[in-house]
N, C-alpha and C. Protein backbone atom coordinates (compact mmCIF):
# COMPACT_ATOMS: atom_id res chain seq x y z
N MET A 1 9.56 16.05 -4.08
CA MET A 1 9.23 17.45 -4.06
C MET A 1 9.96 18.16 -2.93
N SER A 2 10.00 17.53 -1.80
CA SER A 2 10.65 18.13 -0.64
C SER A 2 12.15 18.27 -0.89
N VAL A 3 12.75 17.31 -1.58
CA VAL A 3 14.18 17.36 -1.84
C VAL A 3 14.51 18.53 -2.76
N SER A 4 13.68 18.75 -3.78
CA SER A 4 13.94 19.87 -4.68
C SER A 4 13.75 21.20 -3.97
N LEU A 5 12.80 21.29 -3.05
CA LEU A 5 12.62 22.52 -2.29
C LEU A 5 13.82 22.79 -1.39
N VAL A 6 14.38 21.76 -0.81
CA VAL A 6 15.57 21.93 0.02
C VAL A 6 16.73 22.42 -0.84
N SER A 7 16.86 21.87 -2.04
CA SER A 7 17.92 22.31 -2.96
C SER A 7 17.74 23.78 -3.34
N ILE A 8 16.51 24.17 -3.63
CA ILE A 8 16.24 25.58 -3.97
C ILE A 8 16.57 26.47 -2.78
N GLY A 9 16.22 26.03 -1.58
CA GLY A 9 16.55 26.81 -0.38
C GLY A 9 18.04 26.97 -0.20
N ARG A 10 18.80 25.93 -0.49
CA ARG A 10 20.27 26.02 -0.39
C ARG A 10 20.83 26.99 -1.41
N VAL A 11 20.29 26.95 -2.62
CA VAL A 11 20.77 27.86 -3.66
C VAL A 11 20.49 29.31 -3.26
N VAL A 12 19.29 29.57 -2.78
CA VAL A 12 18.94 30.94 -2.37
C VAL A 12 19.80 31.38 -1.21
N THR A 13 20.06 30.50 -0.26
CA THR A 13 20.90 30.84 0.89
C THR A 13 22.33 31.12 0.44
N ALA A 14 22.85 30.31 -0.48
CA ALA A 14 24.20 30.51 -0.97
C ALA A 14 24.31 31.83 -1.71
N GLU A 15 23.30 32.17 -2.49
CA GLU A 15 23.30 33.43 -3.22
C GLU A 15 23.24 34.60 -2.25
N ALA A 16 22.48 34.44 -1.18
CA ALA A 16 22.33 35.53 -0.22
C ALA A 16 23.61 35.75 0.57
N ASP A 17 24.38 34.71 0.84
CA ASP A 17 25.57 34.82 1.67
C ASP A 17 26.80 35.30 0.89
N GLY A 18 26.90 34.97 -0.37
CA GLY A 18 28.15 35.18 -1.09
C GLY A 18 28.36 36.58 -1.64
N VAL A 19 27.33 37.34 -1.83
CA VAL A 19 27.46 38.61 -2.55
C VAL A 19 26.84 39.72 -1.70
N LYS A 20 27.34 40.93 -1.88
CA LYS A 20 26.72 42.08 -1.23
C LYS A 20 25.59 42.55 -2.12
N TRP A 21 24.38 42.30 -1.66
CA TRP A 21 23.19 42.67 -2.42
C TRP A 21 22.63 43.98 -1.91
N SER A 22 21.83 44.58 -2.75
CA SER A 22 21.15 45.81 -2.32
C SER A 22 20.06 45.45 -1.33
N LYS A 23 19.54 46.47 -0.68
CA LYS A 23 18.52 46.24 0.35
C LYS A 23 17.28 45.59 -0.26
N ASP A 24 16.85 46.01 -1.43
CA ASP A 24 15.67 45.42 -2.08
C ASP A 24 15.91 43.96 -2.45
N MET A 25 17.12 43.69 -2.95
CA MET A 25 17.43 42.31 -3.35
C MET A 25 17.49 41.39 -2.13
N ARG A 26 18.05 41.87 -1.01
CA ARG A 26 18.09 41.06 0.20
C ARG A 26 16.68 40.79 0.71
N ALA A 27 15.80 41.75 0.59
CA ALA A 27 14.40 41.57 0.99
C ALA A 27 13.73 40.51 0.12
N GLN A 28 14.05 40.56 -1.17
CA GLN A 28 13.49 39.53 -2.07
C GLN A 28 14.04 38.15 -1.74
N LEU A 29 15.33 38.07 -1.43
CA LEU A 29 15.93 36.78 -1.06
C LEU A 29 15.32 36.24 0.24
N LYS A 30 15.10 37.12 1.21
CA LYS A 30 14.46 36.68 2.46
C LYS A 30 13.04 36.19 2.20
N THR A 31 12.34 36.89 1.32
CA THR A 31 10.99 36.46 0.95
C THR A 31 11.03 35.10 0.28
N MET A 32 12.02 34.90 -0.59
CA MET A 32 12.17 33.59 -1.25
C MET A 32 12.46 32.50 -0.23
N LEU A 33 13.33 32.80 0.74
CA LEU A 33 13.64 31.79 1.77
C LEU A 33 12.40 31.44 2.59
N ARG A 34 11.59 32.45 2.93
CA ARG A 34 10.36 32.18 3.67
C ARG A 34 9.39 31.36 2.81
N ASP A 35 9.31 31.70 1.52
CA ASP A 35 8.43 30.95 0.62
C ASP A 35 8.87 29.49 0.50
N VAL A 36 10.19 29.30 0.38
CA VAL A 36 10.71 27.93 0.28
C VAL A 36 10.44 27.17 1.57
N ALA A 37 10.63 27.82 2.71
CA ALA A 37 10.34 27.16 4.00
C ALA A 37 8.86 26.82 4.11
N SER A 38 8.02 27.76 3.68
CA SER A 38 6.58 27.52 3.74
C SER A 38 6.18 26.36 2.81
N LEU A 39 6.74 26.36 1.60
CA LEU A 39 6.44 25.27 0.66
C LEU A 39 6.97 23.93 1.17
N THR A 40 8.12 23.95 1.83
CA THR A 40 8.67 22.71 2.40
C THR A 40 7.74 22.18 3.49
N ASP A 41 7.25 23.06 4.35
CA ASP A 41 6.31 22.64 5.39
C ASP A 41 5.03 22.09 4.78
N HIS A 42 4.54 22.75 3.75
CA HIS A 42 3.31 22.28 3.11
C HIS A 42 3.53 20.94 2.42
N ALA A 43 4.68 20.77 1.77
CA ALA A 43 4.99 19.49 1.12
C ALA A 43 5.09 18.37 2.16
N SER A 44 5.66 18.69 3.31
CA SER A 44 5.74 17.71 4.39
C SER A 44 4.34 17.35 4.90
N TYR A 45 3.49 18.35 5.04
CA TYR A 45 2.10 18.12 5.46
C TYR A 45 1.37 17.21 4.46
N LEU A 46 1.51 17.51 3.17
CA LEU A 46 0.85 16.69 2.15
C LEU A 46 1.40 15.27 2.15
N SER A 47 2.71 15.14 2.34
CA SER A 47 3.32 13.80 2.39
C SER A 47 2.77 13.01 3.57
N ASN A 48 2.65 13.65 4.73
CA ASN A 48 2.09 12.97 5.90
C ASN A 48 0.64 12.58 5.68
N LYS A 49 -0.11 13.46 5.02
CA LYS A 49 -1.51 13.17 4.75
C LYS A 49 -1.65 11.98 3.78
N ILE A 50 -0.82 11.95 2.76
CA ILE A 50 -0.84 10.83 1.81
C ILE A 50 -0.45 9.53 2.51
N THR A 51 0.54 9.60 3.38
CA THR A 51 0.95 8.41 4.13
C THR A 51 -0.18 7.90 5.01
N PHE A 52 -0.89 8.83 5.66
CA PHE A 52 -2.01 8.45 6.50
C PHE A 52 -3.11 7.77 5.68
N VAL A 53 -3.45 8.34 4.54
CA VAL A 53 -4.50 7.77 3.69
C VAL A 53 -4.06 6.39 3.17
N LEU A 54 -2.80 6.26 2.81
CA LEU A 54 -2.28 4.96 2.36
C LEU A 54 -2.36 3.92 3.47
N ASP A 55 -1.96 4.31 4.69
CA ASP A 55 -2.05 3.37 5.82
C ASP A 55 -3.49 2.98 6.10
N ALA A 56 -4.40 3.94 6.02
CA ALA A 56 -5.83 3.64 6.25
C ALA A 56 -6.34 2.68 5.18
N MET A 57 -5.97 2.90 3.93
CA MET A 57 -6.43 2.03 2.85
C MET A 57 -5.86 0.63 3.00
N LEU A 58 -4.59 0.53 3.38
CA LEU A 58 -4.00 -0.79 3.61
C LEU A 58 -4.70 -1.51 4.75
N GLY A 59 -5.12 -0.76 5.78
CA GLY A 59 -5.88 -1.37 6.87
C GLY A 59 -7.21 -1.90 6.40
N VAL A 60 -7.89 -1.14 5.54
CA VAL A 60 -9.19 -1.60 5.00
C VAL A 60 -8.99 -2.86 4.16
N VAL A 61 -7.95 -2.87 3.33
CA VAL A 61 -7.68 -4.05 2.51
C VAL A 61 -7.37 -5.25 3.39
N ASN A 62 -6.60 -5.03 4.45
CA ASN A 62 -6.26 -6.11 5.38
C ASN A 62 -7.51 -6.66 6.05
N LEU A 63 -8.41 -5.80 6.48
CA LEU A 63 -9.67 -6.26 7.09
C LEU A 63 -10.50 -7.06 6.11
N GLU A 64 -10.56 -6.60 4.88
CA GLU A 64 -11.34 -7.31 3.86
C GLU A 64 -10.73 -8.69 3.58
N GLN A 65 -9.41 -8.76 3.51
CA GLN A 65 -8.76 -10.06 3.31
C GLN A 65 -9.01 -10.98 4.50
N ASN A 66 -8.99 -10.43 5.71
CA ASN A 66 -9.27 -11.25 6.89
C ASN A 66 -10.68 -11.82 6.84
N ASN A 67 -11.64 -11.01 6.39
CA ASN A 67 -13.02 -11.51 6.28
C ASN A 67 -13.13 -12.62 5.25
N ILE A 68 -12.42 -12.49 4.15
CA ILE A 68 -12.46 -13.52 3.11
C ILE A 68 -11.83 -14.81 3.63
N ILE A 69 -10.68 -14.71 4.28
CA ILE A 69 -10.01 -15.90 4.82
C ILE A 69 -10.88 -16.55 5.90
N LYS A 70 -11.54 -15.73 6.72
CA LYS A 70 -12.43 -16.28 7.75
C LYS A 70 -13.58 -17.05 7.11
N LEU A 71 -14.13 -16.50 6.03
CA LEU A 71 -15.22 -17.19 5.34
C LEU A 71 -14.76 -18.52 4.77
N PHE A 72 -13.57 -18.52 4.15
CA PHE A 72 -13.04 -19.79 3.61
C PHE A 72 -12.79 -20.81 4.72
N SER A 73 -12.29 -20.36 5.85
CA SER A 73 -12.04 -21.27 6.97
C SER A 73 -13.33 -21.86 7.51
N VAL A 74 -14.35 -21.02 7.65
CA VAL A 74 -15.64 -21.50 8.16
C VAL A 74 -16.25 -22.49 7.17
N MET A 75 -16.17 -22.19 5.88
CA MET A 75 -16.73 -23.11 4.89
C MET A 75 -15.98 -24.44 4.88
N ALA A 76 -14.68 -24.40 5.10
CA ALA A 76 -13.93 -25.66 5.20
C ALA A 76 -14.40 -26.48 6.39
N VAL A 77 -14.63 -25.81 7.52
CA VAL A 77 -15.12 -26.52 8.71
C VAL A 77 -16.53 -27.04 8.49
N VAL A 78 -17.37 -26.25 7.80
CA VAL A 78 -18.75 -26.67 7.56
C VAL A 78 -18.79 -27.87 6.62
N LEU A 79 -17.93 -27.91 5.63
CA LEU A 79 -17.99 -28.99 4.64
C LEU A 79 -17.15 -30.21 5.01
N MET A 80 -16.35 -30.13 6.06
CA MET A 80 -15.52 -31.27 6.43
C MET A 80 -16.33 -32.47 6.95
N PRO A 81 -17.28 -32.31 7.88
CA PRO A 81 -18.04 -33.48 8.36
C PRO A 81 -18.84 -34.19 7.26
N PRO A 82 -19.56 -33.47 6.36
CA PRO A 82 -20.25 -34.20 5.30
C PRO A 82 -19.28 -34.96 4.38
N THR A 83 -18.11 -34.39 4.17
CA THR A 83 -17.11 -35.09 3.35
C THR A 83 -16.65 -36.37 4.03
N LEU A 84 -16.47 -36.32 5.34
CA LEU A 84 -16.07 -37.51 6.09
C LEU A 84 -17.16 -38.59 6.01
N ILE A 85 -18.41 -38.18 6.20
CA ILE A 85 -19.52 -39.15 6.15
C ILE A 85 -19.63 -39.75 4.75
N ALA A 86 -19.53 -38.90 3.72
CA ALA A 86 -19.63 -39.39 2.35
C ALA A 86 -18.47 -40.32 2.01
N SER A 87 -17.29 -40.03 2.54
CA SER A 87 -16.15 -40.91 2.23
C SER A 87 -16.28 -42.25 2.93
N VAL A 88 -16.84 -42.27 4.15
CA VAL A 88 -17.03 -43.54 4.85
C VAL A 88 -18.07 -44.40 4.13
N TYR A 89 -19.19 -43.78 3.75
CA TYR A 89 -20.23 -44.56 3.07
C TYR A 89 -19.91 -44.83 1.61
N GLY A 90 -18.90 -44.18 1.08
CA GLY A 90 -18.50 -44.45 -0.29
C GLY A 90 -17.48 -45.56 -0.42
N MET A 91 -17.08 -46.19 0.69
CA MET A 91 -16.07 -47.24 0.66
C MET A 91 -16.61 -48.57 0.15
N ASN A 92 -17.91 -48.78 0.27
CA ASN A 92 -18.56 -49.99 -0.23
C ASN A 92 -17.98 -51.28 0.32
N PHE A 93 -17.78 -51.35 1.64
CA PHE A 93 -17.39 -52.61 2.25
C PHE A 93 -18.58 -53.55 2.26
N LYS A 94 -18.31 -54.87 2.27
CA LYS A 94 -19.39 -55.86 2.28
C LYS A 94 -20.12 -55.88 3.62
N LEU A 95 -19.42 -55.62 4.69
CA LEU A 95 -20.02 -55.77 6.02
C LEU A 95 -20.53 -54.44 6.58
N MET A 96 -21.04 -53.58 5.75
CA MET A 96 -21.66 -52.33 6.23
C MET A 96 -23.17 -52.55 6.24
N PRO A 97 -23.76 -52.72 7.43
CA PRO A 97 -25.19 -53.05 7.48
C PRO A 97 -26.07 -51.92 6.92
N GLU A 98 -25.61 -50.70 6.95
CA GLU A 98 -26.43 -49.59 6.46
C GLU A 98 -26.71 -49.71 4.96
N LEU A 99 -25.80 -50.39 4.24
CA LEU A 99 -26.00 -50.53 2.79
C LEU A 99 -27.19 -51.41 2.46
N GLU A 100 -27.54 -52.31 3.36
CA GLU A 100 -28.66 -53.21 3.14
C GLU A 100 -29.99 -52.63 3.62
N TRP A 101 -29.95 -51.58 4.43
CA TRP A 101 -31.17 -51.00 4.95
C TRP A 101 -31.94 -50.31 3.83
N THR A 102 -33.25 -50.29 3.98
CA THR A 102 -34.09 -49.63 2.99
C THR A 102 -33.86 -48.12 3.02
N HIS A 103 -33.69 -47.59 4.22
CA HIS A 103 -33.51 -46.15 4.36
C HIS A 103 -32.06 -45.77 4.65
N GLY A 104 -31.13 -46.60 4.29
CA GLY A 104 -29.70 -46.33 4.55
C GLY A 104 -29.19 -45.13 3.77
N TYR A 105 -29.54 -45.06 2.50
CA TYR A 105 -29.07 -43.95 1.67
C TYR A 105 -29.66 -42.60 2.13
N PRO A 106 -30.99 -42.53 2.35
CA PRO A 106 -31.53 -41.26 2.85
C PRO A 106 -30.97 -40.89 4.22
N MET A 107 -30.69 -41.90 5.07
CA MET A 107 -30.11 -41.61 6.38
C MET A 107 -28.71 -41.00 6.22
N ALA A 108 -27.92 -41.54 5.30
CA ALA A 108 -26.58 -40.98 5.07
C ALA A 108 -26.68 -39.55 4.54
N LEU A 109 -27.62 -39.30 3.64
CA LEU A 109 -27.80 -37.94 3.13
C LEU A 109 -28.23 -36.98 4.24
N LEU A 110 -29.15 -37.43 5.10
CA LEU A 110 -29.58 -36.59 6.21
C LEU A 110 -28.43 -36.32 7.19
N MET A 111 -27.61 -37.33 7.42
CA MET A 111 -26.45 -37.13 8.30
C MET A 111 -25.50 -36.09 7.70
N MET A 112 -25.30 -36.13 6.38
CA MET A 112 -24.42 -35.14 5.75
C MET A 112 -25.00 -33.73 5.83
N VAL A 113 -26.30 -33.60 5.58
CA VAL A 113 -26.93 -32.28 5.67
C VAL A 113 -26.86 -31.76 7.10
N PHE A 114 -27.18 -32.62 8.07
CA PHE A 114 -27.13 -32.22 9.47
C PHE A 114 -25.71 -31.84 9.88
N ALA A 115 -24.73 -32.62 9.40
CA ALA A 115 -23.34 -32.33 9.75
C ALA A 115 -22.87 -31.01 9.13
N ALA A 116 -23.49 -30.57 8.03
CA ALA A 116 -23.12 -29.29 7.43
C ALA A 116 -23.88 -28.14 8.07
N VAL A 117 -25.15 -28.36 8.40
CA VAL A 117 -25.98 -27.29 8.94
C VAL A 117 -25.59 -26.97 10.38
N LEU A 118 -25.24 -27.97 11.16
CA LEU A 118 -24.92 -27.75 12.58
C LEU A 118 -23.76 -26.77 12.76
N PRO A 119 -22.61 -26.95 12.12
CA PRO A 119 -21.54 -25.94 12.29
C PRO A 119 -21.93 -24.57 11.74
N TYR A 120 -22.69 -24.55 10.64
CA TYR A 120 -23.12 -23.28 10.07
C TYR A 120 -23.98 -22.51 11.07
N VAL A 121 -24.94 -23.18 11.68
CA VAL A 121 -25.82 -22.54 12.66
C VAL A 121 -25.00 -22.09 13.88
N PHE A 122 -24.05 -22.91 14.30
CA PHE A 122 -23.19 -22.56 15.43
C PHE A 122 -22.43 -21.27 15.14
N PHE A 123 -21.80 -21.19 13.96
CA PHE A 123 -21.04 -20.00 13.60
C PHE A 123 -21.94 -18.78 13.43
N LYS A 124 -23.14 -19.00 12.93
CA LYS A 124 -24.09 -17.90 12.75
C LYS A 124 -24.54 -17.37 14.12
N CYS A 125 -24.78 -18.27 15.08
CA CYS A 125 -25.19 -17.85 16.43
C CYS A 125 -24.07 -17.10 17.15
N LYS A 126 -22.84 -17.49 16.90
CA LYS A 126 -21.69 -16.81 17.51
C LYS A 126 -21.35 -15.51 16.79
N ARG A 127 -22.05 -15.24 15.68
CA ARG A 127 -21.84 -14.05 14.85
C ARG A 127 -20.44 -14.01 14.24
N TRP A 128 -19.93 -15.20 13.90
CA TRP A 128 -18.64 -15.27 13.22
C TRP A 128 -18.79 -15.18 11.73
N LEU A 129 -20.03 -15.26 11.26
CA LEU A 129 -20.30 -15.13 9.82
C LEU A 129 -20.99 -13.83 9.54
């Protein structure tokens, strides 16, 4: 829009310079030049406003993406210790004394729950979630 206004301003200026116009016509050409300048300023203002709104929206999207990535990172940290415990007890070696215990399985489950809840509570207390 701004480019077309500049072109119109050049045409009006060229018309005003090349020919001897009457006093009324010169007044109209000056009015046209002022109108074109005013419209150019307004188009520039609107362009700046649109750019500002676009930058603000991109900032909001960036913040939202950061929150999502933070949540995924925290969940990975929360679920990593239970996965480690489950993988160790899932190896089924013969010389694992916990496998022979009566309460070995519930103890492993409690360790996994505790290992998941502890980081979650830590992050919640730090207000990272």
